[in-house]
Amino acid sequence: MRKEPAMTNAPEQDSVHRHLRTTIDAAARNAAADGGPFGALLVTADGREFTAVNRVTADNDPTAHAEVCAIRAACSALGTHDLGGATLYSSCEPCPMCLSAALWARLDRVFFAADRHDAAAGGFDDAAFYDFFTATPEQKDALLPVRHVALDTRTEPFERWAANAQRTTY
């Protein structure tokens, strides 16, 4: 994994601060309207911006976090699943699901304002989700039992994928 250098110039820092303020303003408006207190802004390499807010309760979708919604909006508008070169700004530290979505979308960087401890103090404690990935099997079972069942046909989808000459790789 590459390590991102610290911001070294004032214009970049000003831009990051401006984008983060945009996410905080969106999150605050959403919270005042009975939505989740989270906002995100995705900026593509060519400067296009996609702002989103948390829509978990509005859409009855537990995956509709602001970061995921911003990624979905950008992918849909741009007609691609690869957002390489883009930067994600979030009003709060992305949860493991949102970080995974950022990785799958091939984003270049993520900046956030509030951290996971600020979120926990506000009633959004994701510690169990972060801890899941470093937990013992017994600790994982207490949160979410996950079992591997090795059926004989388990690799058929991958074999068909490999045989499909028109497949779109990602």
Protein backbone atom coordinates (compact mmCIF):
# COMPACT_ATOMS: atom_id res chain seq x y z
CA MET A 1 0.00 0.00 0.00
CA ARG A 2 1.24 3.46 -0.78
CA LYS A 3 1.46 6.07 1.92
CA GLU A 4 -0.12 9.40 1.04
CA PRO A 5 2.13 12.36 1.81
CA ALA A 6 0.84 15.04 4.14
CA MET A 7 -0.64 18.15 2.58
CA THR A 8 2.27 20.45 1.89
CA ASN A 9 0.74 23.53 0.35
CA ALA A 10 -1.84 26.04 1.46
CA PRO A 11 -4.03 25.83 -1.69
CA GLU A 12 -4.44 22.06 -1.25
CA GLN A 13 -5.22 22.49 2.43
CA ASP A 14 -7.74 25.23 1.64
CA SER A 15 -9.42 22.97 -0.93
CA VAL A 16 -9.62 20.06 1.51
CA HIS A 17 -11.05 22.31 4.23
CA ARG A 18 -13.61 23.77 1.80
CA HIS A 19 -14.73 20.32 0.65
CA LEU A 20 -14.96 19.04 4.21
CA ARG A 21 -17.05 22.06 5.22
CA THR A 22 -19.38 21.18 2.32
CA THR A 23 -19.83 17.68 3.74
CA ILE A 24 -20.40 18.99 7.26
CA ASP A 25 -23.02 21.48 6.01
CA ALA A 26 -24.81 18.72 4.07
CA ALA A 27 -24.70 16.42 7.11
CA ALA A 28 -26.07 19.12 9.41
CA ARG A 29 -28.94 19.91 7.02
CA ASN A 30 -29.73 16.20 6.71
CA ALA A 31 -29.70 15.74 10.49
CA ALA A 32 -32.07 18.69 10.91
CA ALA A 33 -34.43 17.04 8.40
CA ASP A 34 -34.49 13.76 10.40
CA GLY A 35 -31.80 12.07 8.31
CA GLY A 36 -28.50 10.66 9.46
CA PRO A 37 -25.82 13.21 10.42
CA PHE A 38 -23.41 12.27 7.65
CA GLY A 39 -22.43 13.90 4.37
CA ALA A 40 -19.96 13.07 1.63
CA LEU A 41 -18.51 14.70 -1.46
CA LEU A 42 -16.74 12.83 -4.23
CA VAL A 43 -14.54 14.92 -6.53
CA THR A 44 -13.38 13.28 -9.76
CA ALA A 45 -9.95 13.78 -11.29
CA ASP A 46 -11.46 16.30 -13.71
CA GLY A 47 -13.22 18.22 -10.93
CA ARG A 48 -16.80 16.97 -11.17
CA GLU A 49 -18.48 16.90 -7.77
CA PHE A 50 -21.05 14.49 -6.36
CA THR A 51 -22.51 15.35 -2.96
CA ALA A 52 -24.62 12.91 -0.95
CA VAL A 53 -26.05 12.47 2.51
CA ASN A 54 -26.89 9.47 4.62
CA ARG A 55 -30.16 7.91 3.39
CA VAL A 56 -30.35 4.84 5.61
CA THR A 57 -33.73 5.69 7.17
CA ALA A 58 -35.10 7.59 4.15
CA ASP A 59 -34.52 4.60 1.86
CA ASN A 60 -34.78 1.80 4.45
CA ASP A 61 -31.36 0.73 3.21
CA PRO A 62 -28.63 0.02 5.77
CA THR A 63 -25.98 0.42 3.04
CA ALA A 64 -27.11 3.94 2.05
CA HIS A 65 -24.32 5.70 3.92
CA ALA A 66 -23.34 9.11 2.55
CA GLU A 67 -20.03 7.83 1.18
CA VAL A 68 -21.67 4.90 -0.62
CA CYS A 69 -24.39 7.20 -1.99
CA ALA A 70 -21.75 9.60 -3.35
CA ILE A 71 -19.86 6.73 -4.98
CA ARG A 72 -23.10 5.37 -6.48
CA ALA A 73 -24.06 8.80 -7.84
CA ALA A 74 -20.66 9.31 -9.44
CA CYS A 75 -20.55 5.83 -10.97
CA SER A 76 -24.07 6.19 -12.35
CA ALA A 77 -23.47 9.65 -13.81
CA LEU A 78 -20.09 8.74 -15.29
CA GLY A 79 -21.09 5.27 -16.51
CA THR A 80 -18.19 3.51 -14.82
CA HIS A 81 -17.35 1.44 -11.77
CA ASP A 82 -13.76 2.72 -11.69
CA LEU A 83 -13.35 6.11 -10.04
CA GLY A 84 -9.56 6.11 -10.13
CA GLY A 85 -8.22 9.63 -9.64
CA ALA A 86 -11.16 10.67 -7.47
CA THR A 87 -11.07 11.88 -3.89
CA LEU A 88 -13.76 11.26 -1.29
CA TYR A 89 -14.46 13.81 1.44
CA SER A 90 -16.63 12.81 4.37
CA SER A 91 -18.05 14.65 7.34
CA CYS A 92 -17.03 11.66 9.46
CA GLU A 93 -14.51 8.83 9.37
CA PRO A 94 -15.85 6.22 6.97
CA CYS A 95 -16.99 2.94 8.50
CA PRO A 96 -15.46 -0.34 7.29
CA MET A 97 -18.21 -0.78 4.67
CA CYS A 98 -17.60 2.70 3.24
CA LEU A 99 -13.84 2.21 3.26
CA SER A 100 -14.36 -1.04 1.38
CA ALA A 101 -16.56 0.75 -1.16
CA ALA A 102 -13.83 3.38 -1.61
CA LEU A 103 -11.31 0.62 -2.26
CA TRP A 104 -13.62 -1.17 -4.72
CA ALA A 105 -14.22 2.15 -6.54
CA ARG A 106 -10.44 2.61 -6.80
CA LEU A 107 -10.53 6.06 -5.19
CA ASP A 108 -7.19 7.79 -4.76
CA ARG A 109 -7.74 9.40 -1.36
CA VAL A 110 -10.20 9.89 1.47
CA PHE A 111 -10.37 12.87 3.82
CA PHE A 112 -12.71 13.06 6.82
CA ALA A 113 -13.56 15.61 9.51
CA ALA A 114 -15.05 13.95 12.62
CA ASP A 115 -13.48 10.66 13.67
CA ARG A 116 -15.06 7.42 14.88
CA HIS A 117 -14.84 8.59 18.50
CA ASP A 118 -16.78 11.76 17.67
CA ALA A 119 -19.39 9.58 15.96
CA ALA A 120 -19.62 7.26 18.96
CA ALA A 121 -20.14 10.23 21.26
CA GLY A 122 -22.98 11.30 18.94
CA GLY A 123 -24.69 7.90 19.16
CA PHE A 124 -23.07 6.13 16.20
CA ASP A 125 -20.63 3.65 17.70
CA ASP A 126 -19.15 1.42 15.01
CA ALA A 127 -16.42 -0.04 17.24
CA ALA A 128 -17.80 -3.58 16.87
CA PHE A 129 -17.52 -3.30 13.09
CA TYR A 130 -13.92 -2.11 13.18
CA ASP A 131 -13.08 -4.75 15.80
CA PHE A 132 -14.68 -7.57 13.80
CA PHE A 133 -11.73 -7.77 11.41
CA THR A 134 -9.17 -8.28 14.18
CA ALA A 135 -11.37 -10.34 16.51
CA THR A 136 -10.90 -13.96 17.44
CA PRO A 137 -13.28 -16.49 15.85
CA GLU A 138 -15.20 -16.68 19.12
CA GLN A 139 -15.59 -12.91 19.29
CA LYS A 140 -16.74 -12.83 15.66
CA ASP A 141 -19.34 -15.51 16.34
CA ALA A 142 -20.83 -13.37 19.08
CA LEU A 143 -21.43 -10.55 16.59
CA LEU A 144 -22.13 -12.41 13.35
CA PRO A 145 -21.54 -16.11 12.78
CA VAL A 146 -20.08 -16.63 9.29
CA ARG A 147 -19.60 -20.15 7.97
CA HIS A 148 -17.90 -21.57 4.88
CA VAL A 149 -19.92 -24.35 3.24
CA ALA A 150 -17.86 -25.90 0.41
CA LEU A 151 -20.44 -27.18 -2.08
CA ASP A 152 -19.23 -29.16 -5.09
CA THR A 153 -20.57 -26.47 -7.45
CA ARG A 154 -19.02 -23.56 -5.53
CA THR A 155 -16.54 -22.61 -8.29
CA GLU A 156 -18.99 -22.82 -11.22
CA PRO A 157 -19.69 -19.05 -11.30
CA PHE A 158 -15.95 -18.34 -11.48
CA GLU A 159 -15.46 -20.92 -14.23
CA ARG A 160 -18.26 -19.34 -16.26
CA TRP A 161 -16.78 -15.91 -15.60
CA ALA A 162 -13.37 -17.03 -16.88
CA ALA A 163 -14.98 -18.56 -19.98
CA ASN A 164 -16.97 -15.42 -20.83
CA ALA A 165 -14.97 -13.53 -23.46
CA GLN A 166 -17.23 -10.46 -23.11
CA ARG A 167 -16.77 -10.10 -19.34
CA THR A 168 -15.99 -6.70 -17.90
CA THR A 169 -13.15 -7.04 -15.47
CA TYR A 170 -12.99 -5.07 -12.26
